[in-house]
Amino acid sequence: MPIYNKLVRDRIPEVIESTGKACRTRILNEKEYHAELVVKLREESEEYFAANIAQDSLEELADMLEVIRALAIVHGASWEQLEATREEKVAARGGFRDRVYLIDVRDA
């Protein structure tokens, strides 16, 4: 019997049961949930880096985005607030579209 002990998407128990298997779950408290979301983001980012080598990373990016949405809520923000913060940072400091690679900084 595989033991997972990890945060999963809400419908995963339903998916497992639809295959004729049974699973045990529990609902995390707020502190546990926050900690497990951080673990999940690390897990999803590692999967992204592994998939990126094979050029099959869009699904992993979508998984990361879902975890980031959940983390925003844990931090008391809506998706719209997170997006507004992102837009403010782009306006002030730019994004990453121009592919600027900083080599070094010298004193004037």
C-alpha atoms as a PDB file:
ATOM      1  CA  MET A   1       0.000   0.000   0.000  1.00  0.00           C
ATOM      2  CA  PRO A   2       1.653   3.267  -1.112  1.00  0.00           C
ATOM      3  CA  ILE A   3       1.820   6.012   1.514  1.00  0.00           C
ATOM      4  CA  TYR A   4       1.783   9.566   0.168  1.00  0.00           C
ATOM      5  CA  ASN A   5       1.330  11.985   3.083  1.00  0.00           C
ATOM      6  CA  LYS A   6       1.017  15.014   0.819  1.00  0.00           C
ATOM      7  CA  LEU A   7      -1.393  17.752  -0.201  1.00  0.00           C
ATOM      8  CA  VAL A   8      -3.384  16.786  -3.296  1.00  0.00           C
ATOM      9  CA  ARG A   9      -5.962  18.456  -5.497  1.00  0.00           C
ATOM     10  CA  ASP A  10      -9.506  18.439  -4.116  1.00  0.00           C
ATOM     11  CA  ARG A  11     -10.890  15.795  -6.477  1.00  0.00           C
ATOM     12  CA  ILE A  12      -8.018  13.302  -6.191  1.00  0.00           C
ATOM     13  CA  PRO A  13      -9.834  11.107  -3.617  1.00  0.00           C
ATOM     14  CA  GLU A  14     -12.806  10.943  -6.016  1.00  0.00           C
ATOM     15  CA  VAL A  15     -10.474  10.000  -8.891  1.00  0.00           C
ATOM     16  CA  ILE A  16      -8.858   7.271  -6.775  1.00  0.00           C
ATOM     17  CA  GLU A  17     -12.234   5.869  -5.699  1.00  0.00           C
ATOM     18  CA  SER A  18     -13.447   5.824  -9.321  1.00  0.00           C
ATOM     19  CA  THR A  19     -10.728   3.231 -10.021  1.00  0.00           C
ATOM     20  CA  GLY A  20     -12.153   0.923  -7.350  1.00  0.00           C
ATOM     21  CA  LYS A  21      -9.493   1.784  -4.784  1.00  0.00           C
ATOM     22  CA  ALA A  22      -9.941   3.346  -1.368  1.00  0.00           C
ATOM     23  CA  CYS A  23      -7.905   6.093   0.274  1.00  0.00           C
ATOM     24  CA  ARG A  24      -7.674   7.842   3.598  1.00  0.00           C
ATOM     25  CA  THR A  25      -7.546  11.633   3.821  1.00  0.00           C
ATOM     26  CA  ARG A  26      -7.812  14.351   6.415  1.00  0.00           C
ATOM     27  CA  ILE A  27      -8.411  18.086   6.295  1.00  0.00           C
ATOM     28  CA  LEU A  28      -5.382  20.187   7.243  1.00  0.00           C
ATOM     29  CA  ASN A  29      -5.601  23.050   9.691  1.00  0.00           C
ATOM     30  CA  GLU A  30      -4.553  26.509   8.442  1.00  0.00           C
ATOM     31  CA  LYS A  31      -0.942  26.235   9.646  1.00  0.00           C
ATOM     32  CA  GLU A  32      -0.489  22.761   8.150  1.00  0.00           C
ATOM     33  CA  TYR A  33      -2.156  23.881   4.915  1.00  0.00           C
ATOM     34  CA  HIS A  34       0.219  26.819   4.503  1.00  0.00           C
ATOM     35  CA  ALA A  35       3.253  24.614   5.167  1.00  0.00           C
ATOM     36  CA  GLU A  36       2.040  21.924   2.756  1.00  0.00           C
ATOM     37  CA  LEU A  37       1.360  24.500   0.027  1.00  0.00           C
ATOM     38  CA  VAL A  38       5.007  25.564   0.269  1.00  0.00           C
ATOM     39  CA  VAL A  39       6.088  21.917   0.025  1.00  0.00           C
ATOM     40  CA  LYS A  40       3.739  21.464  -2.943  1.00  0.00           C
ATOM     41  CA  LEU A  41       5.149  24.498  -4.746  1.00  0.00           C
ATOM     42  CA  ARG A  42       8.662  23.076  -4.340  1.00  0.00           C
ATOM     43  CA  GLU A  43       7.439  19.695  -5.617  1.00  0.00           C
ATOM     44  CA  GLU A  44       5.717  21.239  -8.631  1.00  0.00           C
ATOM     45  CA  SER A  45       8.736  23.398  -9.453  1.00  0.00           C
ATOM     46  CA  GLU A  46      10.999  20.339  -9.349  1.00  0.00           C
ATOM     47  CA  GLU A  47       8.592  18.569 -11.708  1.00  0.00           C
ATOM     48  CA  TYR A  48       8.690  21.632 -13.969  1.00  0.00           C
ATOM     49  CA  PHE A  49      12.478  21.581 -14.131  1.00  0.00           C
ATOM     50  CA  ALA A  50      12.483  17.852 -14.857  1.00  0.00           C
ATOM     51  CA  ALA A  51       9.810  18.238 -17.555  1.00  0.00           C
ATOM     52  CA  ASN A  52      11.483  21.311 -19.039  1.00  0.00           C
ATOM     53  CA  ILE A  53      14.354  19.123 -20.199  1.00  0.00           C
ATOM     54  CA  ALA A  54      11.846  17.109 -22.199  1.00  0.00           C
ATOM     55  CA  GLN A  55      10.047  20.281 -23.433  1.00  0.00           C
ATOM     56  CA  ASP A  56       6.794  19.089 -21.832  1.00  0.00           C
ATOM     57  CA  SER A  57       6.432  21.715 -19.124  1.00  0.00           C
ATOM     58  CA  LEU A  58       3.163  23.594 -19.731  1.00  0.00           C
ATOM     59  CA  GLU A  59       1.173  21.231 -17.522  1.00  0.00           C
ATOM     60  CA  GLU A  60       3.716  21.628 -14.712  1.00  0.00           C
ATOM     61  CA  LEU A  61       3.481  25.428 -15.029  1.00  0.00           C
ATOM     62  CA  ALA A  62      -0.295  25.140 -14.677  1.00  0.00           C
ATOM     63  CA  ASP A  63       0.184  23.086 -11.505  1.00  0.00           C
ATOM     64  CA  MET A  64       2.531  25.726 -10.090  1.00  0.00           C
ATOM     65  CA  LEU A  65       0.013  28.434 -10.910  1.00  0.00           C
ATOM     66  CA  GLU A  66      -2.739  26.600  -9.039  1.00  0.00           C
ATOM     67  CA  VAL A  67      -0.515  26.293  -5.956  1.00  0.00           C
ATOM     68  CA  ILE A  68       0.385  29.999  -6.197  1.00  0.00           C
ATOM     69  CA  ARG A  69      -3.323  30.895  -6.350  1.00  0.00           C
ATOM     70  CA  ALA A  70      -3.924  28.889  -3.165  1.00  0.00           C
ATOM     71  CA  LEU A  71      -0.941  30.525  -1.442  1.00  0.00           C
ATOM     72  CA  ALA A  72      -2.296  33.976  -2.306  1.00  0.00           C
ATOM     73  CA  ILE A  73      -5.526  33.099  -0.494  1.00  0.00           C
ATOM     74  CA  VAL A  74      -3.573  31.790   2.516  1.00  0.00           C
ATOM     75  CA  HIS A  75      -1.796  35.159   2.626  1.00  0.00           C
ATOM     76  CA  GLY A  76      -5.176  36.903   2.679  1.00  0.00           C
ATOM     77  CA  ALA A  77      -5.091  38.104  -0.922  1.00  0.00           C
ATOM     78  CA  SER A  78      -7.292  37.398  -3.904  1.00  0.00           C
ATOM     79  CA  TRP A  79      -5.986  36.396  -7.298  1.00  0.00           C
ATOM     80  CA  GLU A  80      -6.845  39.898  -8.474  1.00  0.00           C
ATOM     81  CA  GLN A  81      -4.746  41.448  -5.702  1.00  0.00           C
ATOM     82  CA  LEU A  82      -1.826  39.187  -6.567  1.00  0.00           C
ATOM     83  CA  GLU A  83      -2.141  40.123 -10.234  1.00  0.00           C
ATOM     84  CA  ALA A  84      -2.326  43.833  -9.350  1.00  0.00           C
ATOM     85  CA  THR A  85       0.856  43.502  -7.287  1.00  0.00           C
ATOM     86  CA  ARG A  86       2.541  41.737 -10.191  1.00  0.00           C
ATOM     87  CA  GLU A  87       1.457  44.514 -12.568  1.00  0.00           C
ATOM     88  CA  GLU A  88       2.772  47.192 -10.171  1.00  0.00           C
ATOM     89  CA  LYS A  89       6.148  45.468 -10.069  1.00  0.00           C
ATOM     90  CA  VAL A  90       6.224  45.237 -13.867  1.00  0.00           C
ATOM     91  CA  ALA A  91       5.434  48.950 -14.133  1.00  0.00           C
ATOM     92  CA  ALA A  92       8.141  49.873 -11.632  1.00  0.00           C
ATOM     93  CA  ARG A  93      10.873  47.375 -12.499  1.00  0.00           C
ATOM     94  CA  GLY A  94       9.834  45.669 -15.720  1.00  0.00           C
ATOM     95  CA  GLY A  95       9.177  42.028 -16.435  1.00  0.00           C
ATOM     96  CA  PHE A  96      11.410  39.385 -17.959  1.00  0.00           C
ATOM     97  CA  ARG A  97      10.398  39.655 -21.617  1.00  0.00           C
ATOM     98  CA  ASP A  98      13.488  41.590 -22.777  1.00  0.00           C
ATOM     99  CA  ARG A  99      15.806  38.769 -21.627  1.00  0.00           C
ATOM    100  CA  VAL A 100      18.179  41.144 -19.790  1.00  0.00           C
ATOM    101  CA  TYR A 101      21.053  39.232 -18.163  1.00  0.00           C
ATOM    102  CA  LEU A 102      22.971  41.232 -15.512  1.00  0.00           C
ATOM    103  CA  ILE A 103      26.689  40.464 -15.570  1.00  0.00           C
ATOM    104  CA  ASP A 104      27.985  42.754 -12.851  1.00  0.00           C
ATOM    105  CA  VAL A 105      27.650  46.163 -11.204  1.00  0.00           C
ATOM    106  CA  ARG A 106      30.558  48.552 -10.705  1.00  0.00           C
ATOM    107  CA  ASP A 107      30.870  51.587  -8.459  1.00  0.00           C
ATOM    108  CA  ALA A 108      30.677  54.831 -10.435  1.00  0.00           C
END
